[in-house]
Amino acid sequence: MYYIWIIARRQFTENIISLRLFIGLIICLALFVSSTYVLMEDYEKRLSVHNAAEIEHRNALEAVKVYSHLKTEVAKPPEPLSVICLGIERQLGSAVTVSYEDVPTEAKILSGGNPLLNVFAAVDGVLMVQIAFRLFVIAIAYDVICGERERGTLALVASNPVSKYHILIGKYIGGMTSLLVPLAIGWTAGAILIHANPAIEFHIAEWSKLGILFAVSGLYLSVFFLLSMLVSTSPGRSARALVWLLFLWILIVFIIPNSGVYLAKQIRPIPSKTVVNIKKEAITTAFREKIRDYGAKHRSDSYFKTGYSVISGNRPFAFMVLTASREAMLWYLDGAQFYIPQRIAYAEQIGNLHQEYYRSLKRQTVLAENLSRLSPAWVYYNISAGLSGTDVRRHEQFIYQAEDYRRTLMAYMQEQGAFSSISWFAPGNIDDMPSQVGLVASDEDAFLANLTPKSWDDVEPLDLSGMPVFTIGPTSGNVVLGGAFPDLVYLIFLNVLLFLITGAMFLKSEVR
C-alpha cells in the first residue's frame, strides 16, 4: 500500500501542476457554468409557460356550464434536474387533453418562447461530461504509461521493489483523483448557481440524485481513463496512442449510437404514420355513419327549440341547448344516450390505435438502446436521464397517470348524472320546462318569451368542486434506480473488465 500511495501521489501531483489540467479546469468550469445558466433560464421559461397554462385551464373549467363541454388539459411540470440533464423532455411534450372523447396518448409541447430556437441542441452538464470532458481525459491520460516509458521514468519506478499491479493501481488512483478535481469544481459551481436561483426548487431527493449523478460521471470517466491506460500500455509512441484514442472517442461517442439507431430501423421497421391515419379515418367514417343512421331514423321537425348547438337542427344530437320545451329536451336526451356511448367507444378505438403505434415505436427504440449499449457514452446518458426524470420512462409514467385520471373523471361524471340527464347539454331541470302540447305557430312569440334563461350569460357554471384533481406523482427512488440499475451495473462491469485487461497487458509489456 505504501508504494501505491507514493505512485498515486506522484501521478496526482504531476497532473495537478500540469498546464493540460489547468486549461481543462478553466474550460470545464466555463462550460459547466454557461450550460447550467442557459438551462436554468430555459427551465424558468418552461415553468412559466406551464404555470400560465394551469391558470388558463382552471379558468376554462370555471366557465363550463354543461357537461358536454367538460374537458381539461393536464400537464407535467418541467423536471428540476433538467438543468443538469435535459434528456428528451422538451421533445416528447408535456400536456394532454382529458375528456370523455379524448384518450391521452400523445402529449403536446406547450408553446412559449421562440419555437425556431428548438432547432439548436441544448448543451447540458451531462453532455459536457459525455463528450467534452472525455476529450480532456484523453489529453491527460493518453501517455500515462507510454509517455513514462519514452522518458525512462517507468523503468526507474519498476527498479524498486514494487509490482506492476501496484504501479497500475497507483497511476489509476492518482490520475482519476486529479481528473475528479475539475469535475467536482464544475459540478459545485453548477450546484451553487442552482441553489441561488429561487425559481428552481431542489429538495433532498434532487440533491441526492445530483450527488449520484456526480458519482456516475466519475464511473463514466473512469471507463475512458482505463481505456486510455490500456492503449497507453501497448508498444509504440505516445503520439500513436493519442491517435488511437481519438479514433475510439469518435467510435464510442458518435458511430456506435448512430449505428444502433440505423440497425434498429432496418431490423425492426415501423409502419408509416400514414397507415395509422388511414385506419383512423376508417374508424371515423364508421362512427359518423352510425350516428348519421340513427339521426336519420329519429329526426323531427315538430319540436320548438332556441339557442341550440346541435349536429343538425332536426336530429337529436345536442351539445349546448339554452332552453326548449320539455318534449324537445327529452328528444335530445334520447339522442345523447345513444351518442355518448358511441363517442366514448370511438375515442377508445382511436386511443388503442395510437397506443399500438406507440408500442411499435417503443420496440424499435428498445432495440436501438440495446445496440447502443456497446457505447459507454450511451449507457452514461441513459443513467443520467433516468435519474433526472427526463427520459422516456418518466414520460410514459405521465401518460399512464393521465389515462388513470381519465377513468377517474369518467366515474365522477357518471356519479353526477352527466351521461343520463339534460345537464349534459342544457341548464336547469327538465320538470321545470313548459310543455309544447297545444303550441301553434301564432303562439311562438309568447312561448319564447316564457322560456328561461334568455341567454347563456344568465346560466350559472356547473359546480365542479367535487371534481377529481390531476396530480402527477413523483418518481420513486425504486422506479428510478430500477430503470437505471442494469446500466449502472454494466458501467461498473466495464470498469472492472478494462482494469483487468489493462493489468494483463501491462504485465506483459516492457518497461523500457
Protein backbone atom coordinates (compact mmCIF):
# COMPACT_ATOMS: atom_id res chain seq x y z
CA MET A 1 0.00 0.00 0.00
CA TYR A 2 2.92 2.33 0.72
CA TYR A 3 4.21 2.17 -2.85
CA ILE A 4 0.71 2.55 -4.26
CA TRP A 5 0.28 5.71 -2.22
CA ILE A 6 3.67 7.06 -3.37
CA ILE A 7 2.88 6.40 -7.04
CA ALA A 8 -0.65 7.80 -6.73
CA ARG A 9 0.61 10.96 -5.04
CA ARG A 10 3.28 11.43 -7.70
CA GLN A 11 0.76 10.95 -10.53
CA PHE A 12 -1.71 13.30 -8.87
CA THR A 13 0.94 15.99 -8.33
CA GLU A 14 2.19 15.77 -11.92
CA ASN A 15 -1.32 16.17 -13.27
CA ILE A 16 -2.35 18.95 -10.89
CA ILE A 17 0.60 21.18 -11.74
CA SER A 18 0.43 20.40 -15.45
CA LEU A 19 -0.72 23.00 -17.95
CA ARG A 20 -3.10 20.49 -19.52
CA LEU A 21 -5.12 20.10 -16.33
CA PHE A 22 -5.15 23.83 -15.68
CA ILE A 23 -6.50 24.53 -19.16
CA GLY A 24 -9.00 21.71 -18.75
CA LEU A 25 -10.11 23.12 -15.42
CA ILE A 26 -10.77 26.57 -16.90
CA ILE A 27 -12.60 25.12 -19.90
CA CYS A 28 -14.71 22.73 -17.81
CA LEU A 29 -15.63 25.41 -15.31
CA ALA A 30 -16.67 27.79 -18.08
CA LEU A 31 -18.67 25.09 -19.85
CA PHE A 32 -20.46 23.91 -16.71
CA VAL A 33 -21.35 27.42 -15.57
CA SER A 34 -22.54 28.58 -19.00
CA SER A 35 -24.58 25.44 -19.74
CA THR A 36 -26.19 25.45 -16.29
CA TYR A 37 -27.05 29.14 -16.59
CA VAL A 38 -28.61 28.67 -20.04
CA LEU A 39 -30.64 25.65 -18.94
CA MET A 40 -31.80 27.43 -15.80
CA GLU A 41 -33.24 30.19 -17.99
CA ASP A 42 -34.82 27.55 -20.21
CA TYR A 43 -36.31 25.84 -17.14
CA GLU A 44 -37.74 29.12 -15.85
CA LYS A 45 -39.41 29.82 -19.20
CA ARG A 46 -40.89 26.32 -19.41
CA LEU A 47 -42.08 26.56 -15.81
CA SER A 48 -43.66 29.95 -16.51
CA VAL A 49 -45.47 28.57 -19.57
CA HIS A 50 -46.64 25.58 -17.51
CA ASN A 51 -47.99 27.80 -14.71
CA ALA A 52 -49.77 30.08 -17.19
CA ALA A 53 -51.36 27.06 -18.87
CA GLU A 54 -52.53 25.76 -15.48
CA ILE A 55 -54.26 29.09 -14.73
CA GLU A 56 -55.85 29.12 -18.19
CA HIS A 57 -57.20 25.59 -17.71
CA ARG A 58 -58.65 26.42 -14.29
CA ASN A 59 -60.39 29.48 -15.72
CA ALA A 60 -61.80 27.38 -18.56
CA LEU A 61 -63.21 24.85 -16.08
CA GLU A 62 -64.85 27.62 -14.07
CA ALA A 63 -66.75 28.67 -17.23
CA VAL A 64 -68.15 25.19 -18.04
CA LYS A 65 -71.96 25.27 -17.97
CA VAL A 66 -72.86 21.86 -19.45
CA TYR A 67 -71.08 18.52 -19.09
CA SER A 68 -70.64 18.06 -22.84
CA HIS A 69 -68.04 20.85 -22.63
CA LEU A 70 -66.21 19.34 -19.67
CA LYS A 71 -62.68 18.64 -20.73
CA THR A 72 -59.44 19.52 -19.10
CA GLU A 73 -55.79 19.67 -20.03
CA VAL A 74 -53.28 18.15 -17.65
CA ALA A 75 -49.61 18.96 -17.86
CA LYS A 76 -46.37 17.70 -16.42
CA PRO A 77 -44.19 20.44 -14.93
CA PRO A 78 -40.56 20.54 -16.07
CA GLU A 79 -38.20 18.40 -14.02
CA PRO A 80 -35.86 20.44 -11.78
CA LEU A 81 -32.91 18.22 -12.68
CA SER A 82 -33.39 19.05 -16.36
CA VAL A 83 -30.95 21.92 -15.70
CA ILE A 84 -28.28 19.22 -15.46
CA CYS A 85 -29.61 16.63 -17.89
CA LEU A 86 -32.30 17.85 -20.28
CA GLY A 87 -32.75 14.42 -21.85
CA ILE A 88 -35.70 14.28 -24.23
CA GLU A 89 -38.14 16.16 -22.00
CA ARG A 90 -38.68 19.01 -24.46
CA GLN A 91 -39.13 16.72 -27.48
CA LEU A 92 -41.88 14.50 -26.05
CA GLY A 93 -44.29 17.20 -24.90
CA SER A 94 -45.83 17.74 -21.51
CA ALA A 95 -49.59 18.31 -21.88
CA VAL A 96 -52.54 16.09 -22.82
CA THR A 97 -56.27 16.72 -23.13
CA VAL A 98 -58.52 14.55 -20.96
CA SER A 99 -62.26 14.17 -21.53
CA TYR A 100 -64.89 11.58 -22.39
CA GLU A 101 -63.88 11.91 -26.07
CA ASP A 102 -60.10 12.24 -25.62
CA VAL A 103 -57.89 9.33 -24.58
CA PRO A 104 -54.46 10.71 -23.61
CA THR A 105 -51.89 9.01 -25.80
CA GLU A 106 -49.68 11.74 -27.27
CA ALA A 107 -48.50 14.79 -25.36
CA LYS A 108 -48.20 18.16 -26.99
CA ILE A 109 -45.48 20.71 -26.37
CA LEU A 110 -46.72 23.78 -24.52
CA SER A 111 -45.91 26.77 -26.70
CA GLY A 112 -43.70 29.51 -25.36
CA GLY A 113 -40.67 31.47 -26.47
CA ASN A 114 -39.23 31.24 -29.96
CA PRO A 115 -40.04 27.79 -31.45
CA LEU A 116 -37.39 28.27 -34.14
CA LEU A 117 -34.69 28.12 -31.45
CA ASN A 118 -35.62 24.50 -30.75
CA VAL A 119 -33.50 23.50 -33.76
CA PHE A 120 -30.43 24.27 -31.65
CA ALA A 121 -29.49 21.37 -29.40
CA ALA A 122 -29.27 22.19 -25.71
CA VAL A 123 -25.89 21.52 -24.12
CA ASP A 124 -26.28 20.32 -20.54
CA GLY A 125 -23.84 19.23 -17.86
CA VAL A 126 -24.18 15.55 -18.72
CA LEU A 127 -23.43 16.24 -22.37
CA MET A 128 -20.35 18.16 -21.25
CA VAL A 129 -19.08 15.10 -19.40
CA GLN A 130 -20.24 12.75 -22.14
CA ILE A 131 -18.36 14.46 -24.96
CA ALA A 132 -16.17 17.41 -23.98
CA PHE A 133 -14.77 16.10 -20.69
CA ARG A 134 -14.00 12.82 -22.42
CA LEU A 135 -11.51 14.68 -24.64
CA PHE A 136 -9.98 16.16 -21.50
CA VAL A 137 -9.45 12.63 -20.14
CA ILE A 138 -7.63 11.69 -23.35
CA ALA A 139 -5.41 14.76 -23.07
CA ILE A 140 -4.44 13.80 -19.52
CA ALA A 141 -4.14 10.02 -19.78
CA TYR A 142 -3.03 9.16 -23.32
CA ASP A 143 0.66 8.99 -22.29
CA VAL A 144 0.25 7.81 -18.71
CA ILE A 145 2.26 4.63 -19.46
CA CYS A 146 3.92 5.08 -22.85
CA GLY A 147 4.98 8.62 -22.02
CA GLU A 148 6.89 7.47 -18.95
CA ARG A 149 8.33 4.60 -20.95
CA GLU A 150 9.68 7.09 -23.51
CA ARG A 151 11.14 9.32 -20.79
CA GLY A 152 12.69 6.34 -18.98
CA THR A 153 10.94 7.08 -15.68
CA LEU A 154 8.83 3.90 -15.86
CA ALA A 155 11.95 1.71 -15.78
CA LEU A 156 13.20 3.73 -12.83
CA VAL A 157 9.97 3.15 -10.91
CA ALA A 158 9.95 -0.56 -11.82
CA SER A 159 13.52 -0.91 -10.46
CA ASN A 160 12.08 -0.53 -6.96
CA PRO A 161 10.57 -3.49 -5.09
CA VAL A 162 7.08 -2.76 -6.42
CA SER A 163 4.89 -4.92 -8.62
CA LYS A 164 3.44 -3.75 -11.90
CA TYR A 165 -0.03 -4.05 -10.44
CA HIS A 166 0.94 -1.61 -7.71
CA ILE A 167 2.20 0.79 -10.36
CA LEU A 168 -1.04 0.41 -12.31
CA ILE A 169 -3.24 0.90 -9.25
CA GLY A 170 -1.24 3.90 -8.11
CA LYS A 171 -1.40 5.56 -11.51
CA TYR A 172 -5.14 4.89 -11.73
CA ILE A 173 -5.86 6.34 -8.28
CA GLY A 174 -3.65 9.38 -8.81
CA GLY A 175 -4.89 10.03 -12.33
CA MET A 176 -8.59 9.64 -11.52
CA THR A 177 -8.30 11.79 -8.40
CA SER A 178 -6.72 14.59 -10.42
CA LEU A 179 -9.47 14.29 -13.06
CA LEU A 180 -12.22 14.44 -10.45
CA VAL A 181 -10.91 17.79 -9.18
CA PRO A 182 -12.03 19.87 -12.22
CA LEU A 183 -15.20 17.79 -12.46
CA ALA A 184 -16.01 18.49 -8.81
CA ILE A 185 -15.27 22.20 -9.22
CA GLY A 186 -17.52 22.46 -12.27
CA TRP A 187 -20.25 20.39 -10.58
CA THR A 188 -20.06 22.53 -7.44
CA ALA A 189 -20.26 25.74 -9.46
CA GLY A 190 -23.39 24.44 -11.17
CA ALA A 191 -24.90 23.43 -7.81
CA ILE A 192 -24.22 26.91 -6.40
CA LEU A 193 -25.99 28.52 -9.36
CA ILE A 194 -28.96 26.21 -8.91
CA HIS A 195 -29.16 26.87 -5.18
CA ALA A 196 -29.03 30.64 -5.75
CA ASN A 197 -31.94 30.55 -8.20
CA PRO A 198 -35.28 30.90 -6.33
CA ALA A 199 -37.27 29.56 -9.29
CA ILE A 200 -35.64 26.12 -9.02
CA GLU A 201 -36.72 24.08 -6.02
CA PHE A 202 -34.26 21.36 -5.13
CA HIS A 203 -35.32 19.13 -2.25
CA ILE A 204 -33.41 16.33 -0.56
CA ALA A 205 -34.34 13.93 -3.38
CA GLU A 206 -32.94 16.25 -6.07
CA TRP A 207 -29.73 16.97 -4.16
CA SER A 208 -29.26 13.24 -3.56
CA LYS A 209 -29.73 12.49 -7.25
CA LEU A 210 -27.29 15.27 -8.11
CA GLY A 211 -24.71 13.57 -5.90
CA ILE A 212 -25.41 10.20 -7.54
CA LEU A 213 -25.04 11.84 -10.95
CA PHE A 214 -21.60 13.07 -9.96
CA ALA A 215 -20.61 9.54 -8.88
CA VAL A 216 -21.94 8.10 -12.15
CA SER A 217 -19.99 10.75 -14.07
CA GLY A 218 -16.87 9.60 -12.23
CA LEU A 219 -17.58 5.99 -13.24
CA TYR A 220 -18.05 7.05 -16.85
CA LEU A 221 -14.77 8.99 -16.90
CA SER A 222 -13.08 6.03 -15.22
CA VAL A 223 -14.02 3.85 -18.20
CA PHE A 224 -12.22 6.18 -20.57
CA PHE A 225 -9.30 6.69 -18.25
CA LEU A 226 -8.82 2.92 -18.10
CA LEU A 227 -9.24 2.72 -21.87
CA SER A 228 -6.54 5.38 -22.22
CA MET A 229 -4.27 3.39 -19.89
CA LEU A 230 -4.95 0.25 -21.93
CA VAL A 231 -3.97 1.92 -25.20
CA SER A 232 -1.00 3.53 -23.47
CA THR A 233 0.38 0.12 -22.40
CA SER A 234 0.69 -1.07 -25.99
CA PRO A 235 4.08 -0.76 -27.69
CA GLY A 236 4.52 2.47 -29.57
CA ARG A 237 4.97 6.11 -29.02
CA SER A 238 2.53 8.39 -27.22
CA ALA A 239 1.53 10.15 -30.46
CA ARG A 240 0.24 6.83 -31.78
CA ALA A 241 -1.74 6.24 -28.59
CA LEU A 242 -3.30 9.70 -28.93
CA VAL A 243 -4.45 8.96 -32.49
CA TRP A 244 -5.98 5.63 -31.45
CA LEU A 245 -7.79 7.22 -28.52
CA LEU A 246 -9.24 9.98 -30.70
CA PHE A 247 -10.50 7.31 -33.08
CA LEU A 248 -12.05 5.37 -30.18
CA TRP A 249 -13.64 8.59 -28.91
CA ILE A 250 -15.38 9.13 -32.26
CA LEU A 251 -16.35 5.45 -32.43
CA ILE A 252 -17.81 5.29 -28.91
CA VAL A 253 -19.49 8.69 -28.71
CA PHE A 254 -20.83 9.04 -32.26
CA ILE A 255 -20.55 5.98 -34.51
CA ILE A 256 -21.88 3.23 -32.21
CA PRO A 257 -25.02 5.09 -31.00
CA ASN A 258 -25.90 6.22 -34.53
CA SER A 259 -25.22 2.74 -35.90
CA GLY A 260 -27.54 1.31 -33.24
CA VAL A 261 -30.34 3.61 -34.40
CA TYR A 262 -29.71 2.71 -38.06
CA LEU A 263 -29.67 -1.05 -37.41
CA ALA A 264 -32.83 -0.84 -35.29
CA LYS A 265 -34.63 0.83 -38.19
CA GLN A 266 -33.53 -1.94 -40.54
CA ILE A 267 -34.19 -4.87 -38.20
CA ARG A 268 -37.46 -3.65 -36.72
CA PRO A 269 -39.14 -1.21 -39.13
CA ILE A 270 -42.28 0.58 -38.02
CA PRO A 271 -45.41 1.27 -40.07
CA SER A 272 -45.78 4.70 -41.57
CA LYS A 273 -47.89 7.21 -39.66
CA THR A 274 -49.92 7.42 -42.87
CA VAL A 275 -51.14 3.86 -42.24
CA VAL A 276 -52.29 4.93 -38.78
CA ASN A 277 -54.10 7.93 -40.25
CA ILE A 278 -55.85 5.73 -42.83
CA LYS A 279 -57.06 3.36 -40.10
CA LYS A 280 -58.20 6.33 -38.03
CA GLU A 281 -60.14 7.71 -40.97
CA ALA A 282 -61.85 4.33 -41.46
CA ILE A 283 -62.89 4.25 -37.79
CA THR A 284 -64.09 7.87 -38.04
CA THR A 285 -66.15 7.09 -41.14
CA ALA A 286 -67.80 4.10 -39.46
CA PHE A 287 -68.61 6.23 -36.39
CA ARG A 288 -70.11 9.03 -38.47
CA GLU A 289 -72.22 6.60 -40.46
CA LYS A 290 -73.58 5.07 -37.28
CA ILE A 291 -74.51 8.49 -35.90
CA ARG A 292 -75.98 9.58 -39.23
CA ASP A 293 -78.13 6.44 -39.50
CA TYR A 294 -79.51 6.92 -36.00
CA GLY A 295 -80.21 10.61 -36.65
CA ALA A 296 -82.00 9.84 -39.90
CA LYS A 297 -84.30 7.38 -38.11
CA HIS A 298 -85.05 9.75 -35.21
CA ARG A 299 -85.30 13.09 -36.95
CA SER A 300 -88.13 15.50 -36.13
CA ASP A 301 -89.35 18.89 -37.28
CA SER A 302 -92.07 19.23 -34.69
CA TYR A 303 -90.10 20.41 -31.65
CA PHE A 304 -89.58 24.07 -30.95
CA LYS A 305 -86.09 24.97 -29.77
CA THR A 306 -83.99 28.04 -29.41
CA GLY A 307 -80.39 28.93 -28.62
CA TYR A 308 -79.20 25.45 -29.53
CA SER A 309 -75.89 23.98 -30.66
CA VAL A 310 -76.56 20.68 -32.40
CA ILE A 311 -75.15 18.48 -35.12
CA SER A 312 -78.23 19.03 -37.24
CA GLY A 313 -81.30 21.09 -36.45
CA ASN A 314 -83.71 18.21 -36.98
CA ARG A 315 -81.60 15.42 -35.46
CA PRO A 316 -81.42 14.71 -31.72
CA PHE A 317 -77.72 15.36 -31.15
CA ALA A 318 -77.27 18.38 -28.94
CA PHE A 319 -74.27 19.70 -27.05
CA MET A 320 -75.47 23.10 -25.90
CA VAL A 321 -79.18 23.90 -25.77
CA LEU A 322 -80.06 27.06 -23.90
CA THR A 323 -83.76 26.31 -23.50
CA ALA A 324 -86.54 24.39 -25.17
CA SER A 325 -89.79 22.60 -24.41
CA ARG A 326 -89.89 19.51 -22.22
CA GLU A 327 -90.61 17.30 -25.24
CA ALA A 328 -87.65 18.73 -27.16
CA MET A 329 -85.36 18.16 -24.19
CA LEU A 330 -86.46 14.54 -23.89
CA TRP A 331 -85.86 14.10 -27.61
CA TYR A 332 -82.35 15.50 -27.25
CA LEU A 333 -81.75 13.32 -24.18
CA ASP A 334 -82.65 10.17 -26.14
CA GLY A 335 -80.15 11.21 -28.78
CA ALA A 336 -77.47 11.89 -26.16
CA GLN A 337 -77.91 8.49 -24.55
CA PHE A 338 -77.21 6.93 -27.93
CA TYR A 339 -74.42 9.31 -28.93
CA ILE A 340 -72.34 9.34 -25.71
CA PRO A 341 -71.53 5.58 -25.54
CA GLN A 342 -70.74 5.60 -29.27
CA ARG A 343 -68.43 8.60 -28.86
CA ILE A 344 -66.66 7.02 -25.90
CA ALA A 345 -66.20 3.75 -27.83
CA TYR A 346 -64.85 5.71 -30.80
CA ALA A 347 -62.36 7.53 -28.55
CA GLU A 348 -61.22 4.19 -27.11
CA GLN A 349 -60.65 2.76 -30.60
CA ILE A 350 -58.62 5.78 -31.68
CA GLY A 351 -56.69 5.62 -28.40
CA ASN A 352 -55.90 1.93 -28.91
CA LEU A 353 -54.75 2.69 -32.44
CA HIS A 354 -52.31 5.32 -31.24
CA GLN A 355 -51.15 3.13 -28.34
CA GLU A 356 -50.40 0.25 -30.71
CA TYR A 357 -48.40 2.59 -32.92
CA TYR A 358 -46.50 3.86 -29.88
CA ARG A 359 -45.73 0.27 -28.84
CA SER A 360 -44.16 -0.33 -32.25
CA LEU A 361 -42.08 2.82 -31.76
CA LYS A 362 -41.09 1.62 -28.30
CA ARG A 363 -40.00 -1.80 -29.58
CA GLN A 364 -37.75 -0.15 -32.14
CA THR A 365 -36.41 2.26 -29.53
CA VAL A 366 -35.63 -0.54 -27.07
CA LEU A 367 -33.69 -2.39 -29.79
CA ALA A 368 -31.75 0.78 -30.62
CA GLU A 369 -30.99 1.29 -26.92
CA ASN A 370 -29.73 -2.28 -26.51
CA LEU A 371 -27.50 -1.99 -29.58
CA SER A 372 -26.21 1.38 -28.41
CA ARG A 373 -25.24 -0.04 -25.02
CA LEU A 374 -21.98 -1.08 -26.63
CA SER A 375 -21.12 2.58 -26.14
CA PRO A 376 -20.39 3.67 -22.55
CA ALA A 377 -21.43 7.18 -23.62
CA TRP A 378 -24.97 5.98 -24.28
CA VAL A 379 -25.06 4.00 -21.03
CA TYR A 380 -23.99 7.09 -19.12
CA TYR A 381 -26.66 9.20 -20.81
CA ASN A 382 -29.34 6.61 -20.09
CA ILE A 383 -28.47 6.51 -16.38
CA SER A 384 -28.33 10.31 -16.15
CA ALA A 385 -31.65 10.88 -17.91
CA GLY A 386 -33.28 8.24 -15.72
CA LEU A 387 -32.01 9.84 -12.52
CA SER A 388 -33.04 13.30 -13.76
CA GLY A 389 -36.55 12.19 -14.72
CA THR A 390 -36.08 13.40 -18.30
CA ASP A 391 -36.15 10.02 -20.05
CA VAL A 392 -38.86 8.05 -21.82
CA ARG A 393 -39.83 6.15 -18.65
CA ARG A 394 -40.86 9.36 -16.88
CA HIS A 395 -42.87 10.46 -19.92
CA GLU A 396 -44.64 7.10 -20.05
CA GLN A 397 -45.44 7.37 -16.36
CA PHE A 398 -47.10 10.75 -17.02
CA ILE A 399 -49.21 9.28 -19.86
CA TYR A 400 -50.27 6.30 -17.68
CA GLN A 401 -51.27 8.66 -14.87
CA ALA A 402 -53.28 10.78 -17.32
CA GLU A 403 -55.09 7.64 -18.52
CA ASP A 404 -55.91 6.72 -14.91
CA TYR A 405 -57.16 10.26 -14.33
CA ARG A 406 -59.48 10.00 -17.35
CA ARG A 407 -61.08 6.88 -15.87
CA THR A 408 -61.50 8.69 -12.56
CA LEU A 409 -63.01 11.71 -14.33
CA MET A 410 -65.45 9.49 -16.25
CA ALA A 411 -66.55 7.84 -12.99
CA TYR A 412 -67.12 11.28 -11.46
CA MET A 413 -69.25 12.38 -14.43
CA GLN A 414 -71.24 9.17 -14.16
CA GLU A 415 -71.92 9.85 -10.48
CA GLN A 416 -73.08 13.39 -11.31
CA GLY A 417 -75.58 12.06 -13.86
CA ALA A 418 -73.75 13.80 -16.69
CA PHE A 419 -74.46 10.99 -19.15
CA SER A 420 -78.09 10.39 -18.18
CA SER A 421 -79.66 13.83 -17.72
CA ILE A 422 -80.15 17.03 -19.70
CA SER A 423 -77.29 18.58 -17.73
CA TRP A 424 -75.20 17.00 -20.48
CA PHE A 425 -76.34 19.73 -22.89
CA ALA A 426 -78.70 22.13 -21.07
CA PRO A 427 -79.07 24.01 -17.77
CA GLY A 428 -81.99 23.58 -15.40
CA ASN A 429 -84.38 20.79 -14.53
CA ILE A 430 -86.48 19.14 -17.21
CA ASP A 431 -89.54 19.10 -14.94
CA ASP A 432 -89.49 22.91 -14.78
CA MET A 433 -89.72 23.32 -18.52
CA PRO A 434 -93.06 24.07 -20.22
CA SER A 435 -94.76 21.52 -22.40
CA GLN A 436 -95.11 22.10 -26.09
CA VAL A 437 -98.56 20.49 -26.22
CA GLY A 438 -101.09 22.75 -27.89
CA LEU A 439 -98.48 25.11 -29.26
CA VAL A 440 -99.42 26.66 -32.62
CA ALA A 441 -97.40 28.93 -34.83
CA SER A 442 -99.17 32.06 -33.65
CA ASP A 443 -98.16 31.36 -30.08
CA GLU A 444 -94.41 31.02 -30.72
CA ASP A 445 -93.57 34.56 -29.61
CA ALA A 446 -95.43 34.17 -26.36
CA PHE A 447 -93.94 30.72 -25.84
CA LEU A 448 -90.43 32.04 -26.44
CA ALA A 449 -90.98 34.93 -24.01
CA ASN A 450 -91.86 32.49 -21.21
CA LEU A 451 -88.79 30.31 -21.66
CA THR A 452 -85.84 30.93 -19.33
CA PRO A 453 -82.98 31.65 -19.27
CA LYS A 454 -82.81 34.19 -22.06
CA SER A 455 -79.04 33.93 -22.74
CA TRP A 456 -76.02 31.88 -21.72
CA ASP A 457 -74.81 34.80 -19.63
CA ASP A 458 -77.69 34.07 -17.25
CA VAL A 459 -76.62 30.43 -16.80
CA GLU A 460 -74.61 29.56 -13.72
CA PRO A 461 -71.47 27.45 -14.29
CA LEU A 462 -71.50 23.84 -13.15
CA ASP A 463 -70.47 23.11 -9.58
CA LEU A 464 -67.25 21.18 -10.15
CA SER A 465 -65.96 21.49 -6.59
CA GLY A 466 -66.01 17.71 -6.22
CA MET A 467 -64.25 17.05 -9.50
CA PRO A 468 -61.07 14.98 -9.06
CA VAL A 469 -57.82 16.89 -9.48
CA PHE A 470 -54.94 15.52 -11.50
CA THR A 471 -51.67 15.24 -9.64
CA ILE A 472 -48.57 13.83 -11.21
CA GLY A 473 -46.87 11.53 -8.77
CA PRO A 474 -43.16 11.85 -8.12
CA THR A 475 -40.83 9.24 -9.50
CA SER A 476 -39.99 6.99 -6.59
CA GLY A 477 -36.42 6.04 -5.87
CA ASN A 478 -37.15 2.39 -6.57
CA VAL A 479 -38.54 3.22 -10.03
CA VAL A 480 -35.57 5.43 -10.90
CA LEU A 481 -32.92 3.02 -9.66
CA GLY A 482 -34.81 0.07 -11.10
CA GLY A 483 -34.66 1.59 -14.58
CA ALA A 484 -31.05 2.72 -14.29
CA PHE A 485 -29.71 -0.22 -12.27
CA PRO A 486 -28.85 -2.55 -15.22
CA ASP A 487 -26.93 0.24 -16.94
CA LEU A 488 -25.19 1.14 -13.68
CA VAL A 489 -24.10 -2.47 -13.19
CA TYR A 490 -22.91 -2.55 -16.79
CA LEU A 491 -20.83 0.61 -16.26
CA ILE A 492 -19.22 -0.90 -13.16
CA PHE A 493 -18.58 -4.14 -15.07
CA LEU A 494 -16.83 -2.19 -17.84
CA ASN A 495 -14.55 -0.57 -15.29
CA VAL A 496 -13.60 -3.91 -13.75
CA LEU A 497 -13.12 -5.56 -17.14
CA LEU A 498 -10.98 -2.76 -18.52
CA PHE A 499 -8.85 -2.71 -15.37
CA LEU A 500 -8.20 -6.45 -15.60
CA ILE A 501 -7.36 -6.27 -19.31
CA THR A 502 -5.11 -3.26 -18.75
CA GLY A 503 -3.37 -5.11 -15.92
CA ALA A 504 -2.82 -8.17 -18.09
CA MET A 505 -1.44 -6.05 -20.93
CA PHE A 506 0.81 -4.06 -18.57
CA LEU A 507 2.23 -7.23 -17.05
CA LYS A 508 3.28 -8.42 -20.50
CA SER A 509 4.65 -5.05 -21.64
CA GLU A 510 8.22 -3.90 -21.42
CA VAL A 511 9.11 -1.03 -19.10
CA ARG A 512 11.78 0.24 -21.47
